[in-house]
């Protein structure tokens, strides 16, 4: 069998895998999309973020006595919580991303304080 035949067979196989994977992925995304939009996912994620923020930022505040990371992190959590009032809209995504960024900044500030 020539190299061209092998390449053609390989390309055909890749084409088949791509076609099957695309169909499966689109079907899975359609099914998972509804699950990921349920309120319990958003509420659970926010609760987890609050819990981890309280533990991580709180421990840092107790250790170093500085409240700036807690204040910044709390602002981020507040923005994330407020985003939930914009049910499944583009603004929910925008505010969530802003809140996540602010919360991450709070954790970054907290981490930097631990290293000094």
N, C-alpha and C. Protein backbone atom coordinates (compact mmCIF):
# COMPACT_ATOMS: atom_id res chain seq x y z
N UNK A 1 0.86 -1.17 0.00
CA UNK A 1 0.00 0.00 0.00
C UNK A 1 0.90 1.24 0.00
N UNK A 2 0.57 2.20 -0.81
CA UNK A 2 1.40 3.40 -0.93
C UNK A 2 1.14 4.37 0.23
N UNK A 3 2.07 5.29 0.39
CA UNK A 3 1.94 6.31 1.42
C UNK A 3 0.70 7.17 1.18
N UNK A 4 0.39 7.40 -0.10
CA UNK A 4 -0.80 8.20 -0.44
C UNK A 4 -2.06 7.47 0.02
N UNK A 5 -2.11 6.17 -0.21
CA UNK A 5 -3.28 5.40 0.24
C UNK A 5 -3.40 5.44 1.76
N UNK A 6 -2.28 5.30 2.44
CA UNK A 6 -2.30 5.34 3.90
C UNK A 6 -2.77 6.70 4.41
N UNK A 7 -2.26 7.75 3.79
CA UNK A 7 -2.69 9.09 4.17
C UNK A 7 -4.18 9.28 3.90
N UNK A 8 -4.64 8.78 2.76
CA UNK A 8 -6.06 8.92 2.42
C UNK A 8 -6.94 8.16 3.40
N UNK A 9 -6.52 6.97 3.79
CA UNK A 9 -7.27 6.18 4.77
C UNK A 9 -7.26 6.90 6.12
N UNK A 10 -6.09 7.40 6.50
CA UNK A 10 -5.98 8.14 7.76
C UNK A 10 -6.86 9.37 7.77
N UNK A 11 -6.86 10.10 6.66
CA UNK A 11 -7.69 11.29 6.54
C UNK A 11 -9.17 10.92 6.59
N UNK A 12 -9.54 9.83 5.93
CA UNK A 12 -10.92 9.38 5.98
C UNK A 12 -11.34 9.01 7.40
N UNK A 13 -10.43 8.34 8.11
CA UNK A 13 -10.72 7.97 9.49
C UNK A 13 -10.88 9.21 10.36
N UNK A 14 -9.99 10.18 10.18
CA UNK A 14 -10.10 11.43 10.93
C UNK A 14 -11.41 12.15 10.61
N UNK A 15 -11.80 12.12 9.37
CA UNK A 15 -13.06 12.74 8.96
C UNK A 15 -14.24 12.07 9.67
N UNK A 16 -14.21 10.74 9.73
CA UNK A 16 -15.27 10.00 10.41
C UNK A 16 -15.31 10.29 11.90
N UNK A 17 -14.14 10.33 12.53
CA UNK A 17 -14.06 10.64 13.96
C UNK A 17 -14.57 12.06 14.21
N UNK A 18 -14.16 12.99 13.36
CA UNK A 18 -14.61 14.38 13.49
C UNK A 18 -16.13 14.48 13.37
N UNK A 19 -16.69 13.81 12.39
CA UNK A 19 -18.13 13.85 12.17
C UNK A 19 -18.88 13.27 13.37
N UNK A 20 -18.43 12.12 13.85
CA UNK A 20 -19.08 11.48 14.99
C UNK A 20 -18.91 12.31 16.25
N UNK A 21 -17.70 12.80 16.49
CA UNK A 21 -17.44 13.59 17.69
C UNK A 21 -18.26 14.88 17.68
N UNK A 22 -18.35 15.52 16.52
CA UNK A 22 -19.13 16.76 16.42
C UNK A 22 -20.59 16.49 16.73
N UNK A 23 -21.14 15.43 16.19
CA UNK A 23 -22.54 15.09 16.45
C UNK A 23 -22.77 14.81 17.93
N UNK A 24 -21.87 14.04 18.53
CA UNK A 24 -22.00 13.72 19.95
C UNK A 24 -21.84 14.96 20.83
N UNK A 25 -20.88 15.81 20.48
CA UNK A 25 -20.64 17.02 21.26
C UNK A 25 -21.83 17.97 21.18
N UNK A 26 -22.37 18.16 20.00
CA UNK A 26 -23.53 19.05 19.85
C UNK A 26 -24.72 18.49 20.62
N UNK A 27 -24.93 17.19 20.55
CA UNK A 27 -26.02 16.59 21.31
C UNK A 27 -25.81 16.72 22.81
N UNK A 28 -24.59 16.50 23.26
CA UNK A 28 -24.29 16.62 24.69
C UNK A 28 -24.44 18.05 25.17
N UNK A 29 -23.99 19.00 24.36
CA UNK A 29 -24.10 20.41 24.75
C UNK A 29 -25.56 20.83 24.85
N UNK A 30 -26.37 20.36 23.95
CA UNK A 30 -27.79 20.70 24.00
C UNK A 30 -28.42 20.14 25.27
N UNK A 31 -28.04 18.93 25.64
CA UNK A 31 -28.59 18.32 26.85
C UNK A 31 -28.03 18.97 28.10
N UNK A 32 -26.72 19.19 28.13
CA UNK A 32 -26.10 19.79 29.31
C UNK A 32 -26.43 21.26 29.46
N UNK A 33 -26.73 21.94 28.37
CA UNK A 33 -27.06 23.36 28.44
C UNK A 33 -28.22 23.61 29.38
N UNK A 34 -29.24 22.80 29.30
CA UNK A 34 -30.39 22.94 30.18
C UNK A 34 -30.03 22.68 31.63
N UNK A 35 -29.18 21.69 31.86
CA UNK A 35 -28.76 21.35 33.22
C UNK A 35 -27.93 22.48 33.81
N UNK A 36 -27.02 23.02 33.03
CA UNK A 36 -26.12 24.06 33.53
C UNK A 36 -26.84 25.38 33.79
N UNK A 37 -28.03 25.56 33.22
CA UNK A 37 -28.78 26.79 33.45
C UNK A 37 -29.72 26.71 34.64
N UNK A 38 -29.80 25.56 35.29
CA UNK A 38 -30.70 25.44 36.43
C UNK A 38 -30.21 26.33 37.57
N UNK A 39 -31.14 26.93 38.31
CA UNK A 39 -30.75 27.83 39.41
C UNK A 39 -29.86 27.17 40.46
N UNK A 40 -30.05 25.89 40.72
CA UNK A 40 -29.27 25.23 41.76
C UNK A 40 -27.78 25.24 41.43
N UNK A 41 -27.42 25.19 40.15
CA UNK A 41 -26.01 25.25 39.75
C UNK A 41 -25.43 26.61 40.11
N UNK A 42 -26.17 27.68 39.77
CA UNK A 42 -25.69 29.03 40.07
C UNK A 42 -25.64 29.28 41.58
N UNK A 43 -26.69 28.88 42.26
CA UNK A 43 -26.75 29.09 43.70
C UNK A 43 -25.68 28.28 44.42
N UNK A 44 -25.50 27.04 44.00
CA UNK A 44 -24.47 26.20 44.60
C UNK A 44 -23.08 26.74 44.35
N UNK A 45 -22.84 27.23 43.15
CA UNK A 45 -21.54 27.83 42.83
C UNK A 45 -21.26 29.06 43.67
N UNK A 46 -22.29 29.90 43.84
CA UNK A 46 -22.12 31.10 44.67
C UNK A 46 -21.88 30.71 46.13
N UNK A 47 -22.60 29.73 46.61
CA UNK A 47 -22.40 29.27 48.00
C UNK A 47 -20.98 28.73 48.20
N UNK A 48 -20.49 27.99 47.22
CA UNK A 48 -19.13 27.47 47.29
C UNK A 48 -18.11 28.61 47.27
N UNK A 49 -18.35 29.61 46.42
CA UNK A 49 -17.45 30.77 46.36
C UNK A 49 -17.45 31.52 47.69
N UNK A 50 -18.63 31.67 48.30
CA UNK A 50 -18.73 32.35 49.60
C UNK A 50 -17.98 31.55 50.67
N UNK A 51 -18.18 30.23 50.67
CA UNK A 51 -17.52 29.38 51.66
C UNK A 51 -16.00 29.45 51.53
N UNK A 52 -15.50 29.29 50.30
CA UNK A 52 -14.06 29.33 50.08
C UNK A 52 -13.50 30.72 50.37
N UNK A 53 -14.27 31.75 50.02
CA UNK A 53 -13.84 33.12 50.32
C UNK A 53 -13.76 33.36 51.81
N UNK A 54 -14.77 32.90 52.55
CA UNK A 54 -14.76 33.08 54.00
C UNK A 54 -13.57 32.37 54.64
N UNK A 55 -13.32 31.15 54.20
CA UNK A 55 -12.22 30.38 54.77
C UNK A 55 -10.87 30.99 54.38
N UNK A 56 -10.65 31.17 53.08
CA UNK A 56 -9.36 31.66 52.60
C UNK A 56 -9.07 33.09 52.99
N UNK A 57 -10.00 33.98 52.71
CA UNK A 57 -9.78 35.39 53.01
C UNK A 57 -9.85 35.65 54.52
N UNK A 58 -10.74 34.93 55.20
CA UNK A 58 -10.84 35.09 56.65
C UNK A 58 -9.57 34.65 57.35
N UNK A 59 -9.03 33.53 56.93
CA UNK A 59 -7.78 33.05 57.53
C UNK A 59 -6.65 34.04 57.29
N UNK A 60 -6.61 34.61 56.10
CA UNK A 60 -5.58 35.61 55.80
C UNK A 60 -5.72 36.85 56.66
N UNK A 61 -6.96 37.28 56.88
CA UNK A 61 -7.20 38.45 57.71
C UNK A 61 -6.80 38.17 59.15
N UNK A 62 -7.10 36.99 59.64
CA UNK A 62 -6.72 36.64 61.01
C UNK A 62 -5.21 36.52 61.16
N UNK A 63 -4.55 36.00 60.15
CA UNK A 63 -3.11 35.79 60.20
C UNK A 63 -2.35 37.11 60.09
N UNK A 64 -2.75 37.96 59.14
CA UNK A 64 -2.01 39.19 58.87
C UNK A 64 -2.67 40.44 59.45
N UNK A 65 -3.95 40.33 59.81
CA UNK A 65 -4.66 41.48 60.37
C UNK A 65 -5.01 42.55 59.35
N UNK A 66 -5.00 42.21 58.07
CA UNK A 66 -5.33 43.16 57.01
C UNK A 66 -6.67 42.81 56.40
N UNK A 67 -7.53 43.81 56.28
CA UNK A 67 -8.88 43.56 55.79
C UNK A 67 -9.08 43.88 54.31
N UNK A 68 -8.07 44.45 53.64
CA UNK A 68 -8.24 44.80 52.23
C UNK A 68 -8.63 43.60 51.36
N UNK A 69 -7.96 42.45 51.47
CA UNK A 69 -8.39 41.31 50.65
C UNK A 69 -9.83 40.87 50.95
N UNK A 70 -10.23 40.94 52.22
CA UNK A 70 -11.61 40.58 52.58
C UNK A 70 -12.59 41.55 51.95
N UNK A 71 -12.27 42.85 52.00
CA UNK A 71 -13.15 43.87 51.43
C UNK A 71 -13.27 43.69 49.91
N UNK A 72 -12.15 43.48 49.25
CA UNK A 72 -12.17 43.30 47.79
C UNK A 72 -12.92 42.02 47.43
N UNK A 73 -12.61 40.93 48.13
CA UNK A 73 -13.30 39.66 47.87
C UNK A 73 -14.79 39.76 48.12
N UNK A 74 -15.18 40.45 49.18
CA UNK A 74 -16.60 40.61 49.49
C UNK A 74 -17.32 41.41 48.41
N UNK A 75 -16.66 42.42 47.88
CA UNK A 75 -17.24 43.18 46.77
C UNK A 75 -17.48 42.26 45.58
N UNK A 76 -16.50 41.43 45.28
CA UNK A 76 -16.64 40.49 44.17
C UNK A 76 -17.80 39.54 44.38
N UNK A 77 -17.93 39.01 45.59
CA UNK A 77 -19.05 38.11 45.90
C UNK A 77 -20.38 38.84 45.78
N UNK A 78 -20.42 40.08 46.20
CA UNK A 78 -21.65 40.87 46.08
C UNK A 78 -22.05 41.09 44.63
N UNK A 79 -21.07 41.37 43.79
CA UNK A 79 -21.35 41.55 42.36
C UNK A 79 -21.84 40.23 41.76
N UNK A 80 -21.22 39.13 42.16
CA UNK A 80 -21.67 37.82 41.67
C UNK A 80 -23.09 37.52 42.11
N UNK A 81 -23.41 37.83 43.36
CA UNK A 81 -24.77 37.60 43.86
C UNK A 81 -25.76 38.48 43.12
N UNK A 82 -25.40 39.73 42.90
CA UNK A 82 -26.27 40.64 42.16
C UNK A 82 -26.50 40.20 40.73
N UNK A 83 -25.50 39.56 40.15
CA UNK A 83 -25.63 39.09 38.77
C UNK A 83 -26.78 38.10 38.62
N UNK A 84 -27.07 37.37 39.69
CA UNK A 84 -28.13 36.36 39.62
C UNK A 84 -29.52 36.98 39.43
N UNK A 85 -29.63 38.29 39.66
CA UNK A 85 -30.93 38.94 39.45
C UNK A 85 -31.20 39.20 37.96
N UNK A 86 -30.21 39.00 37.14
CA UNK A 86 -30.35 39.18 35.68
C UNK A 86 -30.47 37.80 35.02
N UNK A 87 -31.52 37.09 35.33
CA UNK A 87 -31.71 35.70 34.93
C UNK A 87 -31.42 35.45 33.45
N UNK A 88 -30.39 34.64 33.19
CA UNK A 88 -30.06 34.13 31.86
C UNK A 88 -29.99 35.23 30.80
N UNK A 89 -29.37 36.34 31.15
CA UNK A 89 -29.19 37.41 30.17
C UNK A 89 -27.70 37.66 29.98
N UNK A 90 -27.39 38.46 29.00
CA UNK A 90 -25.99 38.80 28.76
C UNK A 90 -25.43 39.55 29.95
N UNK A 91 -26.24 40.36 30.62
CA UNK A 91 -25.76 41.12 31.77
C UNK A 91 -25.39 40.20 32.93
N UNK A 92 -26.10 39.08 33.08
CA UNK A 92 -25.74 38.12 34.12
C UNK A 92 -24.31 37.63 33.89
N UNK A 93 -23.99 37.33 32.65
CA UNK A 93 -22.64 36.87 32.32
C UNK A 93 -21.62 37.96 32.57
N UNK A 94 -21.92 39.18 32.15
CA UNK A 94 -20.98 40.30 32.32
C UNK A 94 -20.71 40.54 33.80
N UNK A 95 -21.78 40.65 34.60
CA UNK A 95 -21.61 40.91 36.03
C UNK A 95 -20.94 39.74 36.75
N UNK A 96 -21.25 38.54 36.35
CA UNK A 96 -20.60 37.38 36.96
C UNK A 96 -19.11 37.42 36.69
N UNK A 97 -18.72 37.69 35.46
CA UNK A 97 -17.29 37.75 35.12
C UNK A 97 -16.59 38.89 35.86
N UNK A 98 -17.26 40.03 36.00
CA UNK A 98 -16.68 41.14 36.76
C UNK A 98 -16.51 40.72 38.22
N UNK A 99 -17.54 40.11 38.79
CA UNK A 99 -17.47 39.66 40.17
C UNK A 99 -16.39 38.63 40.40
N UNK A 100 -16.28 37.68 39.49
CA UNK A 100 -15.24 36.65 39.59
C UNK A 100 -13.86 37.29 39.53
N UNK A 101 -13.71 38.27 38.66
CA UNK A 101 -12.42 38.97 38.55
C UNK A 101 -12.07 39.72 39.83
N UNK A 102 -13.05 40.41 40.42
CA UNK A 102 -12.81 41.14 41.67
C UNK A 102 -12.51 40.16 42.81
N UNK A 103 -13.28 39.08 42.89
CA UNK A 103 -13.02 38.07 43.92
C UNK A 103 -11.63 37.47 43.75
N UNK A 104 -11.25 37.20 42.53
CA UNK A 104 -9.90 36.66 42.27
C UNK A 104 -8.83 37.65 42.71
N UNK A 105 -9.07 38.94 42.48
CA UNK A 105 -8.13 39.96 42.93
C UNK A 105 -8.00 39.92 44.46
N UNK A 106 -9.12 39.75 45.16
CA UNK A 106 -9.07 39.64 46.62
C UNK A 106 -8.22 38.46 47.05
N UNK A 107 -8.40 37.31 46.39
CA UNK A 107 -7.59 36.14 46.73
C UNK A 107 -6.13 36.36 46.35
N UNK A 108 -5.88 37.06 45.25
CA UNK A 108 -4.50 37.37 44.86
C UNK A 108 -3.83 38.26 45.90
N UNK A 109 -4.54 39.30 46.34
CA UNK A 109 -4.01 40.17 47.39
C UNK A 109 -3.75 39.38 48.67
N UNK A 110 -4.67 38.48 48.99
CA UNK A 110 -4.51 37.64 50.17
C UNK A 110 -3.26 36.77 50.05
N UNK A 111 -3.06 36.16 48.89
CA UNK A 111 -1.89 35.32 48.67
C UNK A 111 -0.60 36.09 48.73
N UNK A 112 -0.60 37.29 48.22
CA UNK A 112 0.61 38.11 48.26
C UNK A 112 0.96 38.51 49.69
N UNK A 113 -0.05 38.70 50.51
CA UNK A 113 0.22 39.05 51.90
C UNK A 113 0.86 37.90 52.64
N UNK A 114 0.47 36.66 52.27
CA UNK A 114 1.04 35.49 52.93
C UNK A 114 2.51 35.32 52.60
N UNK A 115 2.91 35.81 51.42
CA UNK A 115 4.30 35.59 51.00
C UNK A 115 5.25 36.65 51.54
N UNK A 116 4.72 37.70 52.17
CA UNK A 116 5.60 38.76 52.71
C UNK A 116 5.82 38.60 54.18
